[in-house]
PDB file of N, CA and C in Angstrom:
ATOM      1  N   UNK A   1     -10.368  23.281  30.122  1.00  0.00           N
ATOM      2  CA  UNK A   1     -10.142  22.164  29.620  1.00  0.00           C
ATOM      3  C   UNK A   1      -9.556  21.048  30.486  1.00  0.00           C
ATOM      4  N   UNK A   2      -9.763  19.701  29.658  1.00  0.00           N
ATOM      5  CA  UNK A   2      -9.229  18.634  30.480  1.00  0.00           C
ATOM      6  C   UNK A   2      -8.359  17.902  29.747  1.00  0.00           C
ATOM      7  N   UNK A   3      -7.423  17.031  30.039  1.00  0.00           N
ATOM      8  CA  UNK A   3      -6.567  15.999  29.130  1.00  0.00           C
ATOM      9  C   UNK A   3      -7.639  15.330  28.412  1.00  0.00           C
ATOM     10  N   UNK A   4      -7.215  15.275  26.806  1.00  0.00           N
ATOM     11  CA  UNK A   4      -8.211  14.631  25.951  1.00  0.00           C
ATOM     12  C   UNK A   4      -8.990  15.430  25.261  1.00  0.00           C
ATOM     13  N   UNK A   5      -9.528  16.720  25.951  1.00  0.00           N
ATOM     14  CA  UNK A   5     -10.432  17.571  24.934  1.00  0.00           C
ATOM     15  C   UNK A   5      -9.792  17.883  23.843  1.00  0.00           C
ATOM     16  N   UNK A   6     -10.565  18.378  23.010  1.00  0.00           N
ATOM     17  CA  UNK A   6     -10.215  18.611  21.660  1.00  0.00           C
ATOM     18  C   UNK A   6     -10.910  20.079  21.247  1.00  0.00           C
ATOM     19  N   UNK A   7     -10.167  20.847  20.445  1.00  0.00           N
ATOM     20  CA  UNK A   7     -10.828  22.025  19.961  1.00  0.00           C
ATOM     21  C   UNK A   7     -10.642  22.317  18.411  1.00  0.00           C
ATOM     22  N   UNK A   8     -11.408  22.963  17.784  1.00  0.00           N
ATOM     23  CA  UNK A   8     -11.151  22.996  16.320  1.00  0.00           C
ATOM     24  C   UNK A   8     -11.339  24.249  15.972  1.00  0.00           C
ATOM     25  N   UNK A   9     -10.314  24.842  14.886  1.00  0.00           N
ATOM     26  CA  UNK A   9     -10.616  26.107  14.219  1.00  0.00           C
ATOM     27  C   UNK A   9     -10.440  25.985  12.720  1.00  0.00           C
ATOM     28  N   UNK A  10     -11.476  26.667  12.362  1.00  0.00           N
ATOM     29  CA  UNK A  10     -12.009  26.716  10.971  1.00  0.00           C
ATOM     30  C   UNK A  10     -12.364  27.979  10.269  1.00  0.00           C
ATOM     31  N   UNK A  11     -12.018  27.817   8.821  1.00  0.00           N
ATOM     32  CA  UNK A  11     -12.448  28.947   7.972  1.00  0.00           C
ATOM     33  C   UNK A  11     -13.830  28.937   7.569  1.00  0.00           C
ATOM     34  N   UNK A  12     -14.192  29.962   7.167  1.00  0.00           N
ATOM     35  CA  UNK A  12     -15.827  30.269   6.903  1.00  0.00           C
ATOM     36  C   UNK A  12     -16.158  29.374   5.741  1.00  0.00           C
ATOM     37  N   UNK A  13     -15.178  28.989   4.706  1.00  0.00           N
ATOM     38  CA  UNK A  13     -15.288  28.272   3.516  1.00  0.00           C
ATOM     39  C   UNK A  13     -15.793  26.698   4.007  1.00  0.00           C
ATOM     40  N   UNK A  14     -15.597  26.215   5.434  1.00  0.00           N
ATOM     41  CA  UNK A  14     -16.105  25.190   5.726  1.00  0.00           C
ATOM     42  C   UNK A  14     -17.615  25.185   6.092  1.00  0.00           C
ATOM     43  N   UNK A  15     -18.129  26.237   6.766  1.00  0.00           N
ATOM     44  CA  UNK A  15     -19.473  26.452   7.065  1.00  0.00           C
ATOM     45  C   UNK A  15     -20.255  27.047   6.083  1.00  0.00           C
ATOM     46  N   UNK A  16     -19.863  27.585   5.015  1.00  0.00           N
ATOM     47  CA  UNK A  16     -20.623  28.567   4.038  1.00  0.00           C
ATOM     48  C   UNK A  16     -20.980  27.617   2.822  1.00  0.00           C
ATOM     49  N   UNK A  17     -20.652  26.558   2.855  1.00  0.00           N
ATOM     50  CA  UNK A  17     -20.718  26.036   1.425  1.00  0.00           C
ATOM     51  C   UNK A  17     -22.246  25.477   0.957  1.00  0.00           C
ATOM     52  N   UNK A  18     -23.376  25.466   1.952  1.00  0.00           N
ATOM     53  CA  UNK A  18     -24.530  24.995   1.593  1.00  0.00           C
ATOM     54  C   UNK A  18     -25.314  26.290   0.803  1.00  0.00           C
ATOM     55  N   UNK A  19     -25.787  26.048  -0.406  1.00  0.00           N
ATOM     56  CA  UNK A  19     -26.205  27.221  -0.870  1.00  0.00           C
ATOM     57  C   UNK A  19     -27.657  27.725  -0.195  1.00  0.00           C
ATOM     58  N   UNK A  20     -27.881  28.686  -0.077  1.00  0.00           N
ATOM     59  CA  UNK A  20     -29.295  29.160   0.588  1.00  0.00           C
ATOM     60  C   UNK A  20     -29.402  28.768   2.232  1.00  0.00           C
ATOM     61  N   UNK A  21     -28.465  28.175   2.693  1.00  0.00           N
ATOM     62  CA  UNK A  21     -28.478  27.626   4.170  1.00  0.00           C
ATOM     63  C   UNK A  21     -27.892  28.502   5.116  1.00  0.00           C
ATOM     64  N   UNK A  22     -27.017  29.183   4.699  1.00  0.00           N
ATOM     65  CA  UNK A  22     -26.135  30.097   5.406  1.00  0.00           C
ATOM     66  C   UNK A  22     -25.163  29.646   6.531  1.00  0.00           C
ATOM     67  N   UNK A  23     -24.554  30.130   7.311  1.00  0.00           N
ATOM     68  CA  UNK A  23     -23.593  29.620   8.077  1.00  0.00           C
ATOM     69  C   UNK A  23     -24.147  29.045   9.057  1.00  0.00           C
ATOM     70  N   UNK A  24     -25.654  29.194   9.590  1.00  0.00           N
ATOM     71  CA  UNK A  24     -26.187  28.517  10.566  1.00  0.00           C
ATOM     72  C   UNK A  24     -26.158  26.894  10.382  1.00  0.00           C
ATOM     73  N   UNK A  25     -26.800  26.620   9.253  1.00  0.00           N
ATOM     74  CA  UNK A  25     -26.857  25.220   8.787  1.00  0.00           C
ATOM     75  C   UNK A  25     -25.222  24.407   9.001  1.00  0.00           C
ATOM     76  N   UNK A  26     -24.444  25.262   8.381  1.00  0.00           N
ATOM     77  CA  UNK A  26     -23.197  24.959   8.134  1.00  0.00           C
ATOM     78  C   UNK A  26     -22.382  24.657   9.801  1.00  0.00           C
ATOM     79  N   UNK A  27     -22.767  25.620  10.241  1.00  0.00           N
ATOM     80  CA  UNK A  27     -22.169  25.388  11.961  1.00  0.00           C
ATOM     81  C   UNK A  27     -22.979  24.099  12.541  1.00  0.00           C
ATOM     82  N   UNK A  28     -24.214  23.967  12.309  1.00  0.00           N
ATOM     83  CA  UNK A  28     -24.857  22.874  12.956  1.00  0.00           C
ATOM     84  C   UNK A  28     -24.192  21.479  12.272  1.00  0.00           C
ATOM     85  N   UNK A  29     -23.772  21.338  10.886  1.00  0.00           N
ATOM     86  CA  UNK A  29     -23.360  20.363  10.547  1.00  0.00           C
ATOM     87  C   UNK A  29     -21.953  20.156  10.939  1.00  0.00           C
ATOM     88  N   UNK A  30     -21.366  21.009  11.255  1.00  0.00           N
ATOM     89  CA  UNK A  30     -19.704  20.764  12.037  1.00  0.00           C
ATOM     90  C   UNK A  30     -19.927  20.173  13.229  1.00  0.00           C
ATOM     91  N   UNK A  31     -20.937  21.008  13.864  1.00  0.00           N
ATOM     92  CA  UNK A  31     -21.035  20.429  15.476  1.00  0.00           C
ATOM     93  C   UNK A  31     -21.510  18.793  15.278  1.00  0.00           C
ATOM     94  N   UNK A  32     -22.429  18.495  14.597  1.00  0.00           N
ATOM     95  CA  UNK A  32     -22.693  17.173  14.308  1.00  0.00           C
ATOM     96  C   UNK A  32     -21.832  16.392  13.910  1.00  0.00           C
ATOM     97  N   UNK A  33     -20.959  16.726  13.079  1.00  0.00           N
ATOM     98  CA  UNK A  33     -19.955  15.940  12.639  1.00  0.00           C
ATOM     99  C   UNK A  33     -18.847  15.692  13.780  1.00  0.00           C
ATOM    100  N   UNK A  34     -18.717  16.782  14.459  1.00  0.00           N
ATOM    101  CA  UNK A  34     -17.582  16.698  15.788  1.00  0.00           C
ATOM    102  C   UNK A  34     -17.938  15.641  16.533  1.00  0.00           C
ATOM    103  N   UNK A  35     -19.251  15.630  16.930  1.00  0.00           N
ATOM    104  CA  UNK A  35     -19.722  14.594  17.755  1.00  0.00           C
ATOM    105  C   UNK A  35     -19.592  13.025  17.389  1.00  0.00           C
ATOM    106  N   UNK A  36     -20.121  13.238  15.860  1.00  0.00           N
ATOM    107  CA  UNK A  36     -20.051  11.801  15.107  1.00  0.00           C
ATOM    108  C   UNK A  36     -18.728  11.093  15.230  1.00  0.00           C
ATOM    109  N   UNK A  37     -17.671  12.024  15.145  1.00  0.00           N
ATOM    110  CA  UNK A  37     -16.271  11.572  14.993  1.00  0.00           C
ATOM    111  C   UNK A  37     -15.439  11.586  16.096  1.00  0.00           C
ATOM    112  N   UNK A  38     -16.112  11.908  17.475  1.00  0.00           N
ATOM    113  CA  UNK A  38     -15.130  12.373  18.382  1.00  0.00           C
ATOM    114  C   UNK A  38     -14.362  10.993  19.057  1.00  0.00           C
ATOM    115  N   UNK A  39     -14.647   9.786  18.677  1.00  0.00           N
ATOM    116  CA  UNK A  39     -13.978   8.668  19.142  1.00  0.00           C
ATOM    117  C   UNK A  39     -13.094   8.410  18.330  1.00  0.00           C
ATOM    118  N   UNK A  40     -12.677   9.009  17.046  1.00  0.00           N
ATOM    119  CA  UNK A  40     -11.716   8.564  16.180  1.00  0.00           C
ATOM    120  C   UNK A  40     -10.174   9.395  16.636  1.00  0.00           C
ATOM    121  N   UNK A  41      -8.938   8.783  16.118  1.00  0.00           N
ATOM    122  CA  UNK A  41      -7.757   9.490  16.601  1.00  0.00           C
ATOM    123  C   UNK A  41      -8.067  10.967  15.707  1.00  0.00           C
ATOM    124  N   UNK A  42      -7.347  11.886  16.264  1.00  0.00           N
ATOM    125  CA  UNK A  42      -7.417  13.378  15.972  1.00  0.00           C
ATOM    126  C   UNK A  42      -7.061  13.215  14.422  1.00  0.00           C
ATOM    127  N   UNK A  43      -6.097  12.361  13.784  1.00  0.00           N
ATOM    128  CA  UNK A  43      -5.404  12.361  12.700  1.00  0.00           C
ATOM    129  C   UNK A  43      -6.542  11.725  11.543  1.00  0.00           C
ATOM    130  N   UNK A  44      -7.475  11.024  12.229  1.00  0.00           N
ATOM    131  CA  UNK A  44      -8.570  10.571  11.159  1.00  0.00           C
ATOM    132  C   UNK A  44      -9.812  11.378  11.359  1.00  0.00           C
ATOM    133  N   UNK A  45      -9.906  11.816  12.324  1.00  0.00           N
ATOM    134  CA  UNK A  45     -11.191  12.906  12.632  1.00  0.00           C
ATOM    135  C   UNK A  45     -11.225  13.988  12.047  1.00  0.00           C
ATOM    136  N   UNK A  46     -10.054  14.801  11.804  1.00  0.00           N
ATOM    137  CA  UNK A  46     -10.234  15.861  11.136  1.00  0.00           C
ATOM    138  C   UNK A  46     -10.584  15.879   9.712  1.00  0.00           C
ATOM    139  N   UNK A  47      -9.999  15.120   8.928  1.00  0.00           N
ATOM    140  CA  UNK A  47     -10.467  14.676   7.466  1.00  0.00           C
ATOM    141  C   UNK A  47     -11.842  14.380   7.650  1.00  0.00           C
ATOM    142  N   UNK A  48     -12.232  13.359   8.411  1.00  0.00           N
ATOM    143  CA  UNK A  48     -13.520  12.716   8.552  1.00  0.00           C
ATOM    144  C   UNK A  48     -14.806  13.763   8.553  1.00  0.00           C
ATOM    145  N   UNK A  49     -14.388  14.723   9.680  1.00  0.00           N
ATOM    146  CA  UNK A  49     -15.286  15.875   9.871  1.00  0.00           C
ATOM    147  C   UNK A  49     -15.366  16.926   8.584  1.00  0.00           C
ATOM    148  N   UNK A  50     -14.098  17.390   7.985  1.00  0.00           N
ATOM    149  CA  UNK A  50     -14.174  18.320   7.110  1.00  0.00           C
ATOM    150  C   UNK A  50     -14.843  17.366   5.838  1.00  0.00           C
ATOM    151  N   UNK A  51     -14.690  16.106   5.500  1.00  0.00           N
ATOM    152  CA  UNK A  51     -15.429  15.520   4.453  1.00  0.00           C
ATOM    153  C   UNK A  51     -16.957  15.531   4.719  1.00  0.00           C
ATOM    154  N   UNK A  52     -17.407  15.202   5.846  1.00  0.00           N
ATOM    155  CA  UNK A  52     -18.885  15.149   6.278  1.00  0.00           C
ATOM    156  C   UNK A  52     -19.384  16.514   6.009  1.00  0.00           C
ATOM    157  N   UNK A  53     -18.908  17.564   6.527  1.00  0.00           N
ATOM    158  CA  UNK A  53     -19.393  18.873   6.264  1.00  0.00           C
ATOM    159  C   UNK A  53     -19.352  19.116   4.785  1.00  0.00           C
ATOM    160  N   UNK A  54     -18.312  18.996   4.289  1.00  0.00           N
ATOM    161  CA  UNK A  54     -18.402  19.429   2.861  1.00  0.00           C
ATOM    162  C   UNK A  54     -19.027  18.586   1.767  1.00  0.00           C
ATOM    163  N   UNK A  55     -19.198  17.348   1.893  1.00  0.00           N
ATOM    164  CA  UNK A  55     -19.700  16.539   1.288  1.00  0.00           C
ATOM    165  C   UNK A  55     -21.371  17.059   1.178  1.00  0.00           C
ATOM    166  N   UNK A  56     -21.817  17.434   2.181  1.00  0.00           N
ATOM    167  CA  UNK A  56     -23.331  17.901   2.390  1.00  0.00           C
ATOM    168  C   UNK A  56     -23.540  19.186   1.585  1.00  0.00           C
ATOM    169  N   UNK A  57     -22.516  19.863   1.310  1.00  0.00           N
ATOM    170  CA  UNK A  57     -22.503  21.202   0.822  1.00  0.00           C
ATOM    171  C   UNK A  57     -22.283  21.162  -0.705  1.00  0.00           C
ATOM    172  N   UNK A  58     -21.626  20.124  -1.431  1.00  0.00           N
ATOM    173  CA  UNK A  58     -21.322  19.898  -2.446  1.00  0.00           C
ATOM    174  C   UNK A  58     -19.977  20.831  -3.031  1.00  0.00           C
ATOM    175  N   UNK A  59     -19.736  21.037  -4.084  1.00  0.00           N
ATOM    176  CA  UNK A  59     -18.332  21.649  -4.487  1.00  0.00           C
ATOM    177  C   UNK A  59     -18.632  22.979  -4.471  1.00  0.00           C
ATOM    178  N   UNK A  60     -17.944  23.775  -3.840  1.00  0.00           N
ATOM    179  CA  UNK A  60     -17.753  25.085  -3.690  1.00  0.00           C
ATOM    180  C   UNK A  60     -16.420  25.610  -4.026  1.00  0.00           C
ATOM    181  N   UNK A  61     -15.834  26.888  -4.314  1.00  0.00           N
ATOM    182  CA  UNK A  61     -15.052  27.546  -4.593  1.00  0.00           C
ATOM    183  C   UNK A  61     -14.070  28.088  -3.727  1.00  0.00           C
ATOM    184  N   UNK A  62     -14.922  28.047  -2.477  1.00  0.00           N
ATOM    185  CA  UNK A  62     -14.173  29.003  -1.049  1.00  0.00           C
ATOM    186  C   UNK A  62     -13.055  28.124  -0.702  1.00  0.00           C
ATOM    187  N   UNK A  63     -12.241  28.760   0.240  1.00  0.00           N
ATOM    188  CA  UNK A  63     -11.226  27.991   0.822  1.00  0.00           C
ATOM    189  C   UNK A  63     -11.802  27.221   1.863  1.00  0.00           C
ATOM    190  N   UNK A  64     -10.708  26.221   2.363  1.00  0.00           N
ATOM    191  CA  UNK A  64     -11.310  25.506   3.354  1.00  0.00           C
ATOM    192  C   UNK A  64     -10.094  25.000   4.491  1.00  0.00           C
ATOM    193  N   UNK A  65     -10.145  25.366   5.778  1.00  0.00           N
ATOM    194  CA  UNK A  65      -9.139  25.012   6.655  1.00  0.00           C
ATOM    195  C   UNK A  65     -10.088  24.558   7.989  1.00  0.00           C
ATOM    196  N   UNK A  66      -9.424  23.533   8.459  1.00  0.00           N
ATOM    197  CA  UNK A  66      -9.985  22.815   9.686  1.00  0.00           C
ATOM    198  C   UNK A  66      -8.647  22.434  10.389  1.00  0.00           C
ATOM    199  N   UNK A  67      -8.607  22.879  11.574  1.00  0.00           N
ATOM    200  CA  UNK A  67      -7.296  22.438  12.350  1.00  0.00           C
ATOM    201  C   UNK A  67      -7.967  21.913  13.565  1.00  0.00           C
ATOM    202  N   UNK A  68      -7.500  20.594  14.102  1.00  0.00           N
ATOM    203  CA  UNK A  68      -7.946  20.210  15.325  1.00  0.00           C
ATOM    204  C   UNK A  68      -6.715  20.114  16.408  1.00  0.00           C
ATOM    205  N   UNK A  69      -6.988  20.430  17.542  1.00  0.00           N
ATOM    206  CA  UNK A  69      -5.925  20.117  18.575  1.00  0.00           C
ATOM    207  C   UNK A  69      -6.431  19.572  19.709  1.00  0.00           C
ATOM    208  N   UNK A  70      -5.661  18.294  20.113  1.00  0.00           N
ATOM    209  CA  UNK A  70      -5.979  17.547  21.348  1.00  0.00           C
ATOM    210  C   UNK A  70      -5.298  18.112  22.552  1.00  0.00           C
ATOM    211  N   UNK A  71      -5.910  18.373  23.483  1.00  0.00           N
ATOM    212  CA  UNK A  71      -5.133  18.683  24.991  1.00  0.00           C
ATOM    213  C   UNK A  71      -4.498  17.703  25.644  1.00  0.00           C
TER     214      UNK A  71
END
């Protein structure tokens, strides 16, 4: 890792929200969102990423956790 790198920890509720799509599609959406919002400050990027992934999944009853850390 180098200065400025980011990493994210998340619960399965973030990536399992799309009915019938499974974890793979949710993980793909998460990676796409991380790339899309990589230039935002971390404080704005984390909620933007969570919203992007969850809005495509619709409303689910599962828990959600997304924690971003910047090196």
